[in-house]
Amino acid sequence: MTNTPPALSAEDESAVRAIVNAFANSWTRHDMQAMHDLDAEDVEWINVVGHHWRGKATVYKGHVAIHKGMFATTSASVDTVMIRSIAPDVAVAVATLHFGASLDPRYPWVAAAKTRASFTMVKREGVWKIVHFQNTVIDPKAENDDVPAYDATGFPPPRDR
């Protein structure tokens, strides 16, 4: 017996998708208040380098700090978003995001990156908010090997190197 959660309504799916887009837009504007208006008070955030921030105030503080420095001139855009309901009023959005390189010569190591982000969102009192976020840089060498149906070995076929 499967316990499949109900599908999201078109309105809820639109609201979840809007949050992902608002995240990228607020990043590009470096508007941390707008970005964290998207978060629930009990949000947890795991960023691309593995920092684990807990609580809205801590997540806000972390983003303010990095957007005053190395990310002050970066941009973000959304490529794709896949959304699914995992329980009533709970959804996961997996987004492919593009972050632009820093334009500040003090931060030449902040290169453009393609990432995969996982947003877990809940609807409380009729409003969708981010409760958990995790982001991973997509390794361009491995990106085309992201196939879950390899043969019985579970490994990708060898390539000429």
Protein backbone atom coordinates (compact mmCIF):
# COMPACT_ATOMS: atom_id res chain seq x y z
CA MET A 1 0.00 0.00 0.00
CA THR A 2 1.40 3.36 -0.99
CA ASN A 3 0.69 6.54 0.83
CA THR A 4 1.02 9.07 -1.99
CA PRO A 5 0.66 12.67 -0.84
CA PRO A 6 -1.94 14.75 -2.63
CA ALA A 7 -0.71 16.70 -5.62
CA LEU A 8 -0.21 20.40 -5.13
CA SER A 9 -2.94 22.65 -6.42
CA ALA A 10 -1.98 24.84 -9.36
CA GLU A 11 -2.05 27.82 -6.98
CA ASP A 12 0.30 26.13 -4.49
CA GLU A 13 2.68 24.96 -7.20
CA SER A 14 2.77 28.51 -8.57
CA ALA A 15 3.49 29.89 -5.09
CA VAL A 16 6.36 27.42 -4.53
CA ARG A 17 7.84 28.23 -7.96
CA ALA A 18 7.53 31.95 -7.20
CA ILE A 19 9.60 31.51 -4.03
CA VAL A 20 12.44 29.87 -5.98
CA ASN A 21 12.39 32.74 -8.48
CA ALA A 22 12.15 35.35 -5.70
CA PHE A 23 15.22 33.79 -4.07
CA ALA A 24 17.27 34.22 -7.26
CA ASN A 25 15.94 37.73 -7.91
CA SER A 26 16.63 38.92 -4.36
CA TRP A 27 20.15 37.42 -4.56
CA THR A 28 20.83 39.40 -7.75
CA ARG A 29 19.49 42.60 -6.13
CA HIS A 30 21.46 41.75 -2.94
CA ASP A 31 18.26 42.41 -1.01
CA MET A 32 18.73 40.16 1.98
CA GLN A 33 15.53 41.37 3.66
CA ALA A 34 13.47 40.29 0.65
CA MET A 35 15.38 37.00 0.48
CA HIS A 36 14.71 36.18 4.10
CA ASP A 37 11.09 37.21 3.98
CA LEU A 38 10.86 33.89 2.10
CA ASP A 39 12.13 31.93 5.14
CA ALA A 40 10.23 30.42 8.03
CA GLU A 41 11.49 31.35 11.50
CA ASP A 42 12.83 27.80 11.97
CA VAL A 43 14.66 27.66 8.62
CA GLU A 44 17.88 25.67 8.27
CA TRP A 45 20.32 26.53 5.51
CA ILE A 46 23.21 24.46 4.16
CA ASN A 47 25.14 26.55 1.70
CA VAL A 48 27.38 25.47 -1.13
CA VAL A 49 30.50 25.27 1.06
CA GLY A 50 28.74 23.26 3.78
CA HIS A 51 27.92 25.92 6.36
CA HIS A 52 24.86 24.87 8.36
CA TRP A 53 22.95 27.91 9.57
CA ARG A 54 19.92 27.46 11.86
CA GLY A 55 17.14 29.98 12.37
CA LYS A 56 16.03 32.93 10.30
CA ALA A 57 18.20 35.47 12.14
CA THR A 58 21.36 33.38 11.69
CA VAL A 59 20.68 32.69 8.01
CA TYR A 60 20.03 36.39 7.43
CA LYS A 61 23.25 37.35 9.24
CA GLY A 62 25.29 34.89 7.16
CA HIS A 63 23.88 36.16 3.88
CA VAL A 64 24.32 39.82 4.83
CA ALA A 65 27.99 39.13 5.58
CA ILE A 66 28.77 37.35 2.31
CA HIS A 67 26.80 39.87 0.24
CA LYS A 68 28.87 42.71 1.70
CA GLY A 69 32.00 40.95 0.47
CA MET A 70 32.68 38.28 -2.07
CA PHE A 71 29.10 37.92 -3.37
CA ALA A 72 28.34 41.66 -3.53
CA THR A 73 28.52 41.74 -7.33
CA THR A 74 27.22 38.27 -8.20
CA SER A 75 23.93 37.35 -9.83
CA ALA A 76 21.62 34.37 -9.71
CA SER A 77 19.11 32.94 -12.15
CA VAL A 78 16.85 29.93 -12.26
CA ASP A 79 17.25 27.39 -15.05
CA THR A 80 14.80 24.62 -14.11
CA VAL A 81 12.54 23.80 -11.17
CA MET A 82 10.97 20.43 -10.36
CA ILE A 83 8.34 20.49 -7.62
CA ARG A 84 6.65 17.68 -5.75
CA SER A 85 4.40 17.37 -2.76
CA ILE A 86 5.78 15.19 0.03
CA ALA A 87 2.95 15.67 2.53
CA PRO A 88 -0.06 17.96 2.84
CA ASP A 89 1.29 21.53 2.84
CA VAL A 90 4.89 20.35 2.38
CA ALA A 91 6.76 20.55 -0.93
CA VAL A 92 10.26 20.08 -2.25
CA ALA A 93 11.52 22.17 -5.14
CA VAL A 94 14.76 21.06 -6.81
CA ALA A 95 16.15 23.92 -8.88
CA THR A 96 19.09 24.25 -11.20
CA LEU A 97 20.55 27.69 -10.55
CA HIS A 98 23.26 29.74 -12.24
CA PHE A 99 25.39 32.08 -10.15
CA GLY A 100 27.51 34.70 -11.88
CA ALA A 101 31.17 35.27 -11.09
CA SER A 102 32.17 38.12 -8.82
CA LEU A 103 32.89 41.29 -10.75
CA ASP A 104 35.04 42.56 -7.86
CA PRO A 105 38.76 42.07 -8.61
CA ARG A 106 39.37 41.36 -4.89
CA TYR A 107 37.50 38.04 -5.28
CA PRO A 108 38.83 36.38 -8.47
CA TRP A 109 38.13 32.91 -7.01
CA VAL A 110 34.37 33.53 -6.97
CA ALA A 111 33.70 31.95 -10.36
CA ALA A 112 30.43 31.40 -12.15
CA ALA A 113 28.75 28.19 -11.01
CA LYS A 114 25.86 25.98 -11.93
CA THR A 115 24.25 24.49 -8.84
CA ARG A 116 21.42 22.23 -7.82
CA ALA A 117 19.42 23.54 -4.87
CA SER A 118 16.83 21.77 -2.80
CA PHE A 119 14.18 23.94 -1.17
CA THR A 120 11.88 22.28 1.35
CA MET A 121 8.84 24.47 1.90
CA VAL A 122 5.84 24.38 4.17
CA LYS A 123 2.52 26.14 4.00
CA ARG A 124 1.63 27.59 7.40
CA GLU A 125 -1.40 29.78 7.95
CA GLY A 126 -1.88 29.85 4.17
CA VAL A 127 1.64 31.10 3.34
CA TRP A 128 4.49 29.07 1.80
CA LYS A 129 7.93 29.53 3.40
CA ILE A 130 11.36 27.90 3.08
CA VAL A 131 12.14 25.63 6.05
CA HIS A 132 15.24 23.96 4.65
CA PHE A 133 17.67 24.77 1.85
CA GLN A 134 20.71 22.90 0.54
CA ASN A 135 22.87 23.81 -2.46
CA THR A 136 25.53 21.80 -4.33
CA VAL A 137 27.80 22.86 -7.19
CA ILE A 138 27.24 20.66 -10.22
CA ASP A 139 30.53 19.14 -11.34
CA PRO A 140 30.58 19.72 -15.11
CA LYS A 141 32.59 16.50 -15.62
CA ALA A 142 29.93 14.43 -13.85
CA GLU A 143 26.84 16.29 -15.04
CA ASN A 144 26.29 14.13 -18.10
CA ASP A 145 26.76 10.96 -16.06
CA ASP A 146 23.74 11.71 -13.86
CA VAL A 147 21.87 8.63 -14.98
CA PRO A 148 20.17 6.47 -12.34
CA ALA A 149 19.85 3.44 -14.66
CA TYR A 150 23.40 2.11 -15.00
CA ASP A 151 23.86 -1.60 -15.51
CA ALA A 152 23.98 -4.02 -12.59
CA THR A 153 27.35 -2.66 -11.41
CA GLY A 154 25.83 0.67 -10.45
CA PHE A 155 28.77 2.46 -12.03
CA PRO A 156 28.89 4.49 -15.23
CA PRO A 157 30.54 2.83 -18.21
CA PRO A 158 34.28 3.55 -18.50
CA ARG A 159 35.23 6.44 -20.75
CA ASP A 160 38.32 6.96 -22.82
CA ARG A 161 40.44 9.37 -20.86
